Amino acid sequence: MAKGHRSQIKRERNAKKDTRPSAKLSYARVSVQKACFVLDAIRGKDVETALGILEYNPRYASSLTKKLLESAIANAENNNGMNRDNLYIAECYANKGPTMKRVRPRAQGRAYRIEKRMSHITIVLDER
């Protein structure tokens, strides 16, 4: 098979597996914009500092992110044998999920569309 063949390229791409511990929350009922406010505050910080920030952040997305971060820390300790004191947040991002479309009745028989947005939040940790 040729080196530039599509199946060869896909096989090589799939062989490179990211071994860093991570956690992903799919279909979170918060928009990407609102989740990114919280994620920007903790990106690059060590996990203890990030947990402190999330504990006292009043936004709704911070409670979701705190639970997700604790899951990523548990994955790092149990699956990868990493030390909690050396962990920091290497990547954290929110991707767009599906949108629930609802209808709101308005005056004179009109209907306005309401879009209830969802997001997929991912946190990737690494050791210093």
N, C-alpha and C. Protein backbone atom coordinates (compact mmCIF):
# COMPACT_ATOMS: atom_id res chain seq x y z
N MET A 1 0.84 -1.18 0.00
CA MET A 1 0.00 0.00 0.00
C MET A 1 0.88 1.24 0.00
N ALA A 2 0.51 2.23 -0.76
CA ALA A 2 1.30 3.45 -0.89
C ALA A 2 1.35 4.21 0.43
N LYS A 3 2.46 4.94 0.63
CA LYS A 3 2.65 5.66 1.88
C LYS A 3 1.60 6.74 2.08
N GLY A 4 1.19 7.37 0.99
CA GLY A 4 0.23 8.45 1.09
C GLY A 4 -1.21 8.00 0.99
N HIS A 5 -1.42 6.69 1.06
CA HIS A 5 -2.79 6.18 0.94
C HIS A 5 -3.61 6.58 2.15
N ARG A 6 -4.89 6.81 1.92
CA ARG A 6 -5.75 7.34 2.97
C ARG A 6 -5.81 6.41 4.18
N SER A 7 -5.92 5.10 3.96
CA SER A 7 -6.01 4.17 5.09
C SER A 7 -4.70 4.13 5.88
N GLN A 8 -3.57 4.29 5.20
CA GLN A 8 -2.27 4.33 5.88
C GLN A 8 -2.17 5.58 6.74
N ILE A 9 -2.62 6.70 6.21
CA ILE A 9 -2.58 7.96 6.96
C ILE A 9 -3.47 7.87 8.19
N LYS A 10 -4.68 7.29 8.02
CA LYS A 10 -5.59 7.16 9.15
C LYS A 10 -5.03 6.22 10.21
N ARG A 11 -4.36 5.15 9.77
CA ARG A 11 -3.78 4.19 10.71
C ARG A 11 -2.69 4.85 11.54
N GLU A 12 -1.85 5.67 10.91
CA GLU A 12 -0.79 6.37 11.63
C GLU A 12 -1.36 7.41 12.59
N ARG A 13 -2.41 8.10 12.16
CA ARG A 13 -3.02 9.12 13.03
C ARG A 13 -3.65 8.49 14.26
N ASN A 14 -4.30 7.35 14.08
CA ASN A 14 -4.94 6.68 15.21
C ASN A 14 -3.94 6.00 16.13
N ALA A 15 -2.73 5.72 15.64
CA ALA A 15 -1.71 5.09 16.48
C ALA A 15 -1.17 6.06 17.52
N LYS A 16 -1.16 7.36 17.19
CA LYS A 16 -0.69 8.36 18.14
C LYS A 16 -1.79 8.64 19.15
N LYS A 17 -1.72 7.99 20.31
CA LYS A 17 -2.76 8.12 21.33
C LYS A 17 -2.29 9.10 22.40
N ASP A 18 -3.15 10.04 22.76
CA ASP A 18 -2.84 11.00 23.82
C ASP A 18 -2.99 10.29 25.16
N THR A 19 -1.89 10.20 25.92
CA THR A 19 -1.91 9.47 27.19
C THR A 19 -2.20 10.37 28.39
N ARG A 20 -2.42 11.65 28.14
CA ARG A 20 -2.71 12.55 29.26
C ARG A 20 -4.10 12.26 29.81
N PRO A 21 -4.27 12.35 31.15
CA PRO A 21 -5.60 12.10 31.73
C PRO A 21 -6.57 13.22 31.37
N SER A 22 -7.81 12.83 31.11
CA SER A 22 -8.80 13.83 30.73
C SER A 22 -10.18 13.39 31.20
N ALA A 23 -11.12 14.31 31.11
CA ALA A 23 -12.52 14.03 31.40
C ALA A 23 -13.35 14.88 30.46
N LYS A 24 -14.48 14.33 30.01
CA LYS A 24 -15.33 15.04 29.07
C LYS A 24 -16.78 14.97 29.54
N LEU A 25 -17.44 16.11 29.51
CA LEU A 25 -18.85 16.20 29.83
C LEU A 25 -19.60 16.53 28.54
N SER A 26 -20.42 15.59 28.09
CA SER A 26 -21.17 15.80 26.86
C SER A 26 -22.58 16.30 27.18
N TYR A 27 -23.13 17.09 26.30
CA TYR A 27 -24.50 17.59 26.39
C TYR A 27 -24.75 18.37 27.68
N ALA A 28 -23.81 19.21 28.05
CA ALA A 28 -24.00 20.09 29.21
C ALA A 28 -24.99 21.19 28.83
N ARG A 29 -25.98 21.44 29.67
CA ARG A 29 -27.02 22.43 29.34
C ARG A 29 -26.54 23.85 29.66
N VAL A 30 -25.47 24.23 29.03
CA VAL A 30 -24.94 25.59 29.15
C VAL A 30 -24.33 25.92 27.79
N SER A 31 -24.44 27.17 27.36
CA SER A 31 -23.92 27.53 26.05
C SER A 31 -22.39 27.59 26.10
N VAL A 32 -21.78 27.51 24.93
CA VAL A 32 -20.33 27.50 24.82
C VAL A 32 -19.75 28.82 25.35
N GLN A 33 -20.42 29.92 25.03
CA GLN A 33 -19.92 31.23 25.45
C GLN A 33 -19.86 31.32 26.97
N LYS A 34 -20.90 30.84 27.65
CA LYS A 34 -20.96 30.93 29.10
C LYS A 34 -19.97 29.96 29.75
N ALA A 35 -19.77 28.80 29.13
CA ALA A 35 -18.81 27.84 29.67
C ALA A 35 -17.38 28.35 29.52
N CYS A 36 -17.11 29.07 28.43
CA CYS A 36 -15.76 29.56 28.19
C CYS A 36 -15.33 30.63 29.19
N PHE A 37 -16.26 31.37 29.76
CA PHE A 37 -15.91 32.34 30.80
C PHE A 37 -15.25 31.64 31.98
N VAL A 38 -15.80 30.49 32.35
CA VAL A 38 -15.27 29.73 33.49
C VAL A 38 -13.97 29.05 33.10
N LEU A 39 -13.93 28.45 31.91
CA LEU A 39 -12.73 27.71 31.48
C LEU A 39 -11.53 28.62 31.30
N ASP A 40 -11.76 29.85 30.85
CA ASP A 40 -10.65 30.80 30.69
C ASP A 40 -10.01 31.14 32.03
N ALA A 41 -10.81 31.11 33.10
CA ALA A 41 -10.30 31.47 34.43
C ALA A 41 -9.37 30.41 35.01
N ILE A 42 -9.53 29.14 34.58
CA ILE A 42 -8.73 28.07 35.20
C ILE A 42 -7.66 27.50 34.27
N ARG A 43 -7.64 27.89 33.01
CA ARG A 43 -6.69 27.32 32.05
C ARG A 43 -5.24 27.60 32.47
N GLY A 44 -4.42 26.54 32.53
CA GLY A 44 -3.00 26.68 32.87
C GLY A 44 -2.70 26.67 34.36
N LYS A 45 -3.71 26.70 35.20
CA LYS A 45 -3.49 26.73 36.65
C LYS A 45 -3.31 25.31 37.19
N ASP A 46 -2.69 25.19 38.38
CA ASP A 46 -2.62 23.88 39.02
C ASP A 46 -4.00 23.53 39.58
N VAL A 47 -4.22 22.23 39.84
CA VAL A 47 -5.58 21.77 40.11
C VAL A 47 -6.14 22.31 41.43
N GLU A 48 -5.30 22.49 42.44
CA GLU A 48 -5.80 23.00 43.72
C GLU A 48 -6.28 24.45 43.58
N THR A 49 -5.53 25.26 42.85
CA THR A 49 -5.94 26.64 42.61
C THR A 49 -7.23 26.69 41.79
N ALA A 50 -7.30 25.82 40.78
CA ALA A 50 -8.49 25.78 39.91
C ALA A 50 -9.72 25.37 40.71
N LEU A 51 -9.58 24.39 41.60
CA LEU A 51 -10.73 23.97 42.43
C LEU A 51 -11.19 25.11 43.33
N GLY A 52 -10.24 25.89 43.86
CA GLY A 52 -10.60 27.05 44.67
C GLY A 52 -11.34 28.11 43.89
N ILE A 53 -10.90 28.35 42.65
CA ILE A 53 -11.57 29.33 41.79
C ILE A 53 -12.99 28.87 41.48
N LEU A 54 -13.14 27.58 41.14
CA LEU A 54 -14.45 27.07 40.77
C LEU A 54 -15.41 27.01 41.96
N GLU A 55 -14.87 26.82 43.16
CA GLU A 55 -15.72 26.73 44.36
C GLU A 55 -16.46 28.04 44.61
N TYR A 56 -15.78 29.16 44.38
CA TYR A 56 -16.37 30.46 44.72
C TYR A 56 -16.80 31.27 43.50
N ASN A 57 -16.82 30.66 42.34
CA ASN A 57 -17.31 31.34 41.14
C ASN A 57 -18.83 31.21 41.11
N PRO A 58 -19.57 32.30 40.98
CA PRO A 58 -21.03 32.22 41.07
C PRO A 58 -21.72 31.67 39.81
N ARG A 59 -21.02 31.48 38.73
CA ARG A 59 -21.65 31.03 37.48
C ARG A 59 -22.10 29.58 37.57
N TYR A 60 -23.15 29.26 36.81
CA TYR A 60 -23.69 27.89 36.79
C TYR A 60 -22.68 26.90 36.21
N ALA A 61 -21.93 27.33 35.18
CA ALA A 61 -20.98 26.44 34.52
C ALA A 61 -19.83 26.05 35.44
N SER A 62 -19.58 26.83 36.50
CA SER A 62 -18.47 26.50 37.40
C SER A 62 -18.77 25.24 38.21
N SER A 63 -20.04 25.00 38.56
CA SER A 63 -20.37 23.78 39.30
C SER A 63 -20.18 22.55 38.41
N LEU A 64 -20.55 22.65 37.13
CA LEU A 64 -20.33 21.55 36.19
C LEU A 64 -18.84 21.30 35.99
N THR A 65 -18.08 22.38 35.84
CA THR A 65 -16.65 22.26 35.58
C THR A 65 -15.91 21.72 36.79
N LYS A 66 -16.36 22.09 37.99
CA LYS A 66 -15.72 21.59 39.21
C LYS A 66 -15.86 20.08 39.31
N LYS A 67 -17.05 19.58 39.05
CA LYS A 67 -17.28 18.14 39.08
C LYS A 67 -16.46 17.43 38.02
N LEU A 68 -16.36 18.04 36.84
CA LEU A 68 -15.59 17.47 35.75
C LEU A 68 -14.09 17.45 36.08
N LEU A 69 -13.60 18.51 36.70
CA LEU A 69 -12.19 18.58 37.09
C LEU A 69 -11.85 17.52 38.14
N GLU A 70 -12.76 17.32 39.10
CA GLU A 70 -12.53 16.28 40.11
C GLU A 70 -12.49 14.89 39.46
N SER A 71 -13.30 14.68 38.43
CA SER A 71 -13.27 13.41 37.70
C SER A 71 -11.94 13.24 36.96
N ALA A 72 -11.44 14.31 36.35
CA ALA A 72 -10.16 14.23 35.64
C ALA A 72 -9.01 13.96 36.61
N ILE A 73 -9.07 14.55 37.81
CA ILE A 73 -8.04 14.30 38.83
C ILE A 73 -8.07 12.84 39.26
N ALA A 74 -9.28 12.30 39.47
CA ALA A 74 -9.41 10.89 39.86
C ALA A 74 -8.89 9.97 38.75
N ASN A 75 -9.15 10.33 37.48
CA ASN A 75 -8.61 9.55 36.37
C ASN A 75 -7.08 9.56 36.38
N ALA A 76 -6.49 10.71 36.67
CA ALA A 76 -5.04 10.82 36.69
C ALA A 76 -4.43 9.97 37.80
N GLU A 77 -5.07 9.99 38.97
CA GLU A 77 -4.53 9.25 40.11
C GLU A 77 -4.71 7.74 39.93
N ASN A 78 -5.91 7.32 39.52
CA ASN A 78 -6.22 5.89 39.48
C ASN A 78 -5.72 5.20 38.21
N ASN A 79 -5.87 5.85 37.06
CA ASN A 79 -5.52 5.19 35.80
C ASN A 79 -4.06 5.40 35.41
N ASN A 80 -3.52 6.60 35.71
CA ASN A 80 -2.16 6.92 35.27
C ASN A 80 -1.15 6.93 36.41
N GLY A 81 -1.60 6.82 37.66
CA GLY A 81 -0.69 6.82 38.81
C GLY A 81 0.05 8.13 39.02
N MET A 82 -0.58 9.23 38.67
CA MET A 82 0.07 10.54 38.81
C MET A 82 -0.17 11.10 40.21
N ASN A 83 0.71 12.00 40.63
CA ASN A 83 0.59 12.66 41.93
C ASN A 83 -0.28 13.90 41.78
N ARG A 84 -1.23 14.06 42.68
CA ARG A 84 -2.19 15.17 42.60
C ARG A 84 -1.51 16.53 42.72
N ASP A 85 -0.41 16.60 43.49
CA ASP A 85 0.26 17.88 43.72
C ASP A 85 0.94 18.43 42.46
N ASN A 86 1.30 17.54 41.53
CA ASN A 86 2.03 17.97 40.34
C ASN A 86 1.13 18.24 39.14
N LEU A 87 -0.17 18.05 39.28
CA LEU A 87 -1.08 18.19 38.15
C LEU A 87 -1.43 19.65 37.87
N TYR A 88 -1.59 19.95 36.59
CA TYR A 88 -2.11 21.26 36.18
C TYR A 88 -3.01 21.07 34.96
N ILE A 89 -3.79 22.07 34.65
CA ILE A 89 -4.74 21.99 33.55
C ILE A 89 -4.03 22.39 32.27
N ALA A 90 -3.73 21.39 31.43
CA ALA A 90 -3.02 21.63 30.18
C ALA A 90 -3.96 22.20 29.13
N GLU A 91 -5.15 21.62 29.01
CA GLU A 91 -6.14 22.11 28.05
C GLU A 91 -7.52 22.06 28.68
N CYS A 92 -8.34 23.02 28.34
CA CYS A 92 -9.76 22.97 28.68
C CYS A 92 -10.50 23.78 27.63
N TYR A 93 -11.53 23.17 27.09
CA TYR A 93 -12.27 23.83 26.02
C TYR A 93 -13.70 23.33 26.00
N ALA A 94 -14.56 24.11 25.36
CA ALA A 94 -15.97 23.76 25.20
C ALA A 94 -16.30 23.78 23.72
N ASN A 95 -16.85 22.68 23.24
CA ASN A 95 -17.28 22.59 21.84
C ASN A 95 -18.80 22.70 21.77
N LYS A 96 -19.29 23.09 20.62
CA LYS A 96 -20.72 23.27 20.42
C LYS A 96 -21.42 21.92 20.37
N GLY A 97 -22.52 21.80 21.09
CA GLY A 97 -23.34 20.60 21.06
C GLY A 97 -24.62 20.86 20.28
N PRO A 98 -25.57 19.96 20.35
CA PRO A 98 -26.83 20.17 19.65
C PRO A 98 -27.66 21.28 20.30
N THR A 99 -28.57 21.84 19.56
CA THR A 99 -29.41 22.92 20.04
C THR A 99 -30.86 22.45 20.09
N MET A 100 -31.50 22.61 21.25
CA MET A 100 -32.93 22.31 21.35
C MET A 100 -33.70 23.54 20.88
N LYS A 101 -34.64 23.33 19.99
CA LYS A 101 -35.40 24.45 19.45
C LYS A 101 -36.80 24.44 20.06
N ARG A 102 -37.20 25.56 20.63
CA ARG A 102 -38.51 25.70 21.25
C ARG A 102 -39.23 26.89 20.63
N VAL A 103 -40.53 26.93 20.79
CA VAL A 103 -41.33 28.01 20.22
C VAL A 103 -41.97 28.81 21.34
N ARG A 104 -41.91 30.13 21.22
CA ARG A 104 -42.49 31.03 22.20
C ARG A 104 -43.60 31.81 21.53
N PRO A 105 -44.83 31.72 22.02
CA PRO A 105 -45.91 32.49 21.41
C PRO A 105 -45.73 33.99 21.66
N ARG A 106 -46.01 34.78 20.63
CA ARG A 106 -45.90 36.23 20.73
C ARG A 106 -47.21 36.87 20.29
N ALA A 107 -47.23 38.18 20.25
CA ALA A 107 -48.46 38.91 19.94
C ALA A 107 -48.90 38.68 18.50
N GLN A 108 -50.19 38.78 18.27
CA GLN A 108 -50.81 38.71 16.96
C GLN A 108 -50.57 37.36 16.28
N GLY A 109 -50.51 36.30 17.07
CA GLY A 109 -50.41 34.96 16.52
C GLY A 109 -49.04 34.57 16.00
N ARG A 110 -48.04 35.39 16.25
CA ARG A 110 -46.70 35.06 15.78
C ARG A 110 -46.02 34.09 16.75
N ALA A 111 -44.95 33.48 16.28
CA ALA A 111 -44.17 32.57 17.13
C ALA A 111 -42.70 32.89 16.97
N TYR A 112 -41.99 33.05 18.10
CA TYR A 112 -40.55 33.28 18.07
C TYR A 112 -39.85 31.99 18.47
N ARG A 113 -38.71 31.76 17.87
CA ARG A 113 -37.94 30.57 18.19
C ARG A 113 -36.99 30.85 19.35
N ILE A 114 -36.94 29.92 20.30
CA ILE A 114 -35.99 29.97 21.40
C ILE A 114 -35.01 28.83 21.19
N GLU A 115 -33.71 29.11 21.24
CA GLU A 115 -32.69 28.09 21.07
C GLU A 115 -32.01 27.83 22.40
N LYS A 116 -32.16 26.61 22.89
CA LYS A 116 -31.51 26.20 24.14
C LYS A 116 -30.26 25.44 23.76
N ARG A 117 -29.12 26.08 23.95
CA ARG A 117 -27.86 25.54 23.44
C ARG A 117 -27.20 24.60 24.45
N MET A 118 -26.45 23.64 23.90
CA MET A 118 -25.69 22.69 24.72
C MET A 118 -24.23 22.75 24.30
N SER A 119 -23.37 22.19 25.15
CA SER A 119 -21.94 22.17 24.84
C SER A 119 -21.32 20.88 25.36
N HIS A 120 -20.17 20.56 24.79
CA HIS A 120 -19.36 19.44 25.24
C HIS A 120 -18.10 20.04 25.86
N ILE A 121 -17.90 19.84 27.16
CA ILE A 121 -16.77 20.43 27.88
C ILE A 121 -15.70 19.37 28.10
N THR A 122 -14.44 19.70 27.81
CA THR A 122 -13.32 18.77 27.97
C THR A 122 -12.23 19.42 28.80
N ILE A 123 -11.66 18.63 29.72
CA ILE A 123 -10.52 19.07 30.53
C ILE A 123 -9.42 18.03 30.38
N VAL A 124 -8.21 18.49 30.04
CA VAL A 124 -7.04 17.61 29.91
C VAL A 124 -5.99 18.08 30.90
N LEU A 125 -5.50 17.16 31.72
CA LEU A 125 -4.48 17.46 32.73
C LEU A 125 -3.12 16.99 32.27
N ASP A 126 -2.08 17.48 32.93
CA ASP A 126 -0.71 17.03 32.69
C ASP A 126 0.10 17.25 33.95
N GLU A 127 1.28 16.62 34.01
CA GLU A 127 2.15 16.74 35.18
C GLU A 127 3.24 17.75 34.93
N ARG A 128 3.57 18.52 35.97
CA ARG A 128 4.69 19.46 35.87
C ARG A 128 5.97 18.76 36.23
